[in-house]
Structure formats: structure tokens, C-alpha cells
Amino acid sequence: MPTYSIGQAAGLLGVSSETVRRWADGGQLAMDRGGAGIRVIDGVSLAAFAKERAEGLHPMPDEVLTSVRNSFAGIVTKVTLDDVIAQVEIQSGPHRLVSVVSREAVEELGIEVGVTATARVKSTNVHIDRAGERM
């Protein structure tokens, strides 16, 4: 089973190493001592913690029914408009999302730099890469 250092876990969770230490010291995140005496988190525990922590971060209003499960709330950082199409960039934590939508939609929704927005992603073609070494 893979294990992660405090720094690696912090990077995966998008928080500081100090936050991971506080969670561990507070009993919210289980840590053990690795072979060299360094504090490590097992991958299964880290995955469960990440999933639990993410629940409710991007809630759907009760009146919206959708099959989309991947939501990224963030701030609009760039809007590029032409006559018909718009490109919208959203920064959601460590994630940069870019969407091409109609100019009409951007104008109707009032999307401009600095407003909060949620990107919802539904795809039947999602690529997953895994590096040879852990982060």
C-alpha cells in the first residue's frame, strides 16, 4: 500500500503541511511512523479522508436535478469573448478549468473576472495518468 509524507498529502489535498499536521494531531487524519521514523499517511486512509472532506464543498441546489457529479467551485480568472463564442477560465483550488461556451450564456449568467462560478464536468472520455513515482 502506498504511503504519503505530510508534504505530499498537503499537495494532494490543496492545503499546507501545517494544516495536515493539525488534522493528524487533532485525530481527524490517521498517521503512522514510517521506517525512518517519519510521519506517513497510508494511501487508503488519505483517499477516504479526501473524499469525506470534499463532500458538501460544492453542493447542488435542491431545485437542480443533474447527472453531473464533478463540480469545481471557484473564481473566474479570465473571459475571452468573440462574436459567438466565449472562453471562460475558473481557478478552483489548485485546478484551472477552461470552458468554451456561447457568448450569450456568458452574458446571461453575468460571468466576468472576479465572480464565483461552478464548473460542472460530465464526460465519457476522461484520461487518467499515473507517474512512475509518487508526487
Protein backbone atom coordinates (compact mmCIF):
# COMPACT_ATOMS: atom_id res chain seq x y z
CA MET A 1 0.00 0.00 0.00
CA PRO A 2 1.40 3.43 -0.87
CA THR A 3 2.18 5.88 1.89
CA TYR A 4 2.47 9.65 1.69
CA SER A 5 4.54 12.18 3.58
CA ILE A 6 2.89 15.19 5.20
CA GLY A 7 4.06 17.39 2.31
CA GLN A 8 2.75 15.00 -0.34
CA ALA A 9 -0.61 14.73 1.43
CA ALA A 10 -0.79 18.51 1.71
CA GLY A 11 -0.18 18.85 -2.02
CA LEU A 12 -2.87 16.31 -2.88
CA LEU A 13 -5.38 17.96 -0.54
CA GLY A 14 -4.52 21.52 -1.62
CA VAL A 15 -3.63 22.68 1.90
CA SER A 16 -0.46 23.50 3.82
CA SER A 17 1.70 20.92 5.58
CA GLU A 18 0.81 22.62 8.85
CA THR A 19 -2.90 22.00 8.19
CA VAL A 20 -2.22 18.29 7.63
CA ARG A 21 -0.24 18.20 10.90
CA ARG A 22 -3.13 19.87 12.77
CA TRP A 23 -5.62 17.37 11.32
CA ALA A 24 -3.36 14.49 12.40
CA ASP A 25 -2.74 15.95 15.86
CA GLY A 26 -6.48 16.51 16.25
CA GLY A 27 -7.26 12.90 15.35
CA GLN A 28 -9.03 13.74 12.09
CA LEU A 29 -6.37 12.12 9.90
CA ALA A 30 -4.58 8.91 10.89
CA MET A 31 -0.77 8.92 10.68
CA ASP A 32 1.86 6.34 11.49
CA ARG A 33 5.64 6.36 11.69
CA GLY A 34 7.40 5.05 8.60
CA GLY A 35 10.62 3.03 8.55
CA ALA A 36 12.81 6.07 9.13
CA GLY A 37 10.56 7.38 11.90
CA ILE A 38 8.97 9.92 9.58
CA ARG A 39 5.23 10.51 9.93
CA VAL A 40 3.35 8.97 6.99
CA ILE A 41 -0.27 8.53 5.92
CA ASP A 42 -1.38 5.35 4.21
CA GLY A 43 -2.98 5.86 0.80
CA VAL A 44 -6.31 4.23 1.65
CA SER A 45 -6.81 6.47 4.70
CA LEU A 46 -5.78 9.56 2.74
CA ALA A 47 -8.22 8.73 -0.08
CA ALA A 48 -11.08 8.23 2.40
CA PHE A 49 -10.23 11.49 4.18
CA ALA A 50 -10.07 13.42 0.89
CA LYS A 51 -13.44 12.06 -0.20
CA GLU A 52 -15.07 12.80 3.14
CA ARG A 53 -13.60 16.31 3.22
CA ALA A 54 -14.90 17.06 -0.29
CA GLU A 55 -18.50 16.08 0.48
CA GLY A 56 -20.64 19.18 0.58
CA LEU A 57 -17.95 21.54 -0.74
CA HIS A 58 -19.86 22.03 -3.98
CA PRO A 59 -23.49 21.46 -3.06
CA MET A 60 -26.22 21.35 -5.67
CA PRO A 61 -29.31 23.47 -5.01
CA ASP A 62 -32.33 21.27 -4.27
CA GLU A 63 -34.18 22.52 -7.35
CA VAL A 64 -31.39 21.42 -9.73
CA LEU A 65 -31.53 17.84 -10.92
CA THR A 66 -28.47 16.68 -12.82
CA SER A 67 -26.43 13.61 -13.57
CA VAL A 68 -23.20 15.61 -13.35
CA ARG A 69 -21.09 14.57 -10.35
CA ASN A 70 -17.87 16.54 -10.81
CA SER A 71 -18.26 20.10 -9.55
CA PHE A 72 -15.49 22.68 -9.22
CA ALA A 73 -16.46 25.88 -7.42
CA GLY A 74 -14.02 28.71 -7.93
CA ILE A 75 -13.38 32.20 -9.17
CA VAL A 76 -13.45 33.35 -12.78
CA THR A 77 -9.93 34.47 -13.73
CA LYS A 78 -10.33 35.18 -17.45
CA VAL A 79 -13.08 35.63 -20.00
CA THR A 80 -12.30 35.86 -23.73
CA LEU A 81 -15.20 36.86 -25.96
CA ASP A 82 -15.71 36.88 -29.70
CA ASP A 83 -18.91 37.36 -31.69
CA VAL A 84 -20.45 33.97 -30.85
CA ILE A 85 -18.14 32.02 -28.53
CA ALA A 86 -16.60 32.72 -25.12
CA GLN A 87 -13.73 31.06 -23.30
CA VAL A 88 -14.04 31.10 -19.51
CA GLU A 89 -11.24 30.18 -17.10
CA ILE A 90 -12.01 29.25 -13.49
CA GLN A 91 -9.47 28.66 -10.73
CA SER A 92 -10.84 26.09 -8.27
CA GLY A 93 -8.24 25.49 -5.60
CA PRO A 94 -5.20 24.11 -7.42
CA HIS A 95 -7.29 23.34 -10.51
CA ARG A 96 -7.57 25.57 -13.59
CA LEU A 97 -10.64 24.77 -15.67
CA VAL A 98 -11.25 26.19 -19.13
CA SER A 99 -14.65 26.05 -20.81
CA VAL A 100 -15.81 27.17 -24.23
CA VAL A 101 -19.44 28.28 -24.13
CA SER A 102 -21.64 30.65 -26.06
CA ARG A 103 -21.19 34.37 -25.61
CA GLU A 104 -24.93 34.57 -24.97
CA ALA A 105 -24.61 32.20 -21.97
CA VAL A 106 -21.74 34.23 -20.51
CA GLU A 107 -23.73 37.45 -20.81
CA GLU A 108 -26.96 35.94 -19.41
CA LEU A 109 -25.12 34.48 -16.41
CA GLY A 110 -23.13 37.65 -15.78
CA ILE A 111 -19.85 35.79 -15.95
CA GLU A 112 -16.88 38.12 -15.65
CA VAL A 113 -13.48 38.13 -13.99
CA GLY A 114 -13.80 38.06 -10.21
CA VAL A 115 -17.21 36.40 -9.87
CA THR A 116 -17.64 32.98 -8.31
CA ALA A 117 -18.83 30.20 -10.56
CA THR A 118 -19.06 26.44 -10.55
CA ALA A 119 -17.79 24.33 -13.43
CA ARG A 120 -19.63 21.03 -13.71
CA VAL A 121 -17.91 18.36 -15.73
CA LYS A 122 -19.53 15.37 -17.35
CA SER A 123 -17.51 13.36 -19.76
CA THR A 124 -17.43 9.92 -21.25
CA ASN A 125 -13.77 10.40 -22.18
CA VAL A 126 -11.64 11.06 -19.10
CA HIS A 127 -7.93 10.30 -19.24
CA ILE A 128 -6.03 9.23 -16.14
CA ASP A 129 -2.24 9.33 -16.00
CA ARG A 130 -0.05 7.84 -13.31
CA ALA A 131 3.57 8.79 -12.95
CA GLY A 132 6.16 6.15 -12.08
CA GLU A 133 6.92 7.92 -8.81
CA ARG A 134 4.52 9.37 -6.28
CA MET A 135 4.19 13.13 -6.03
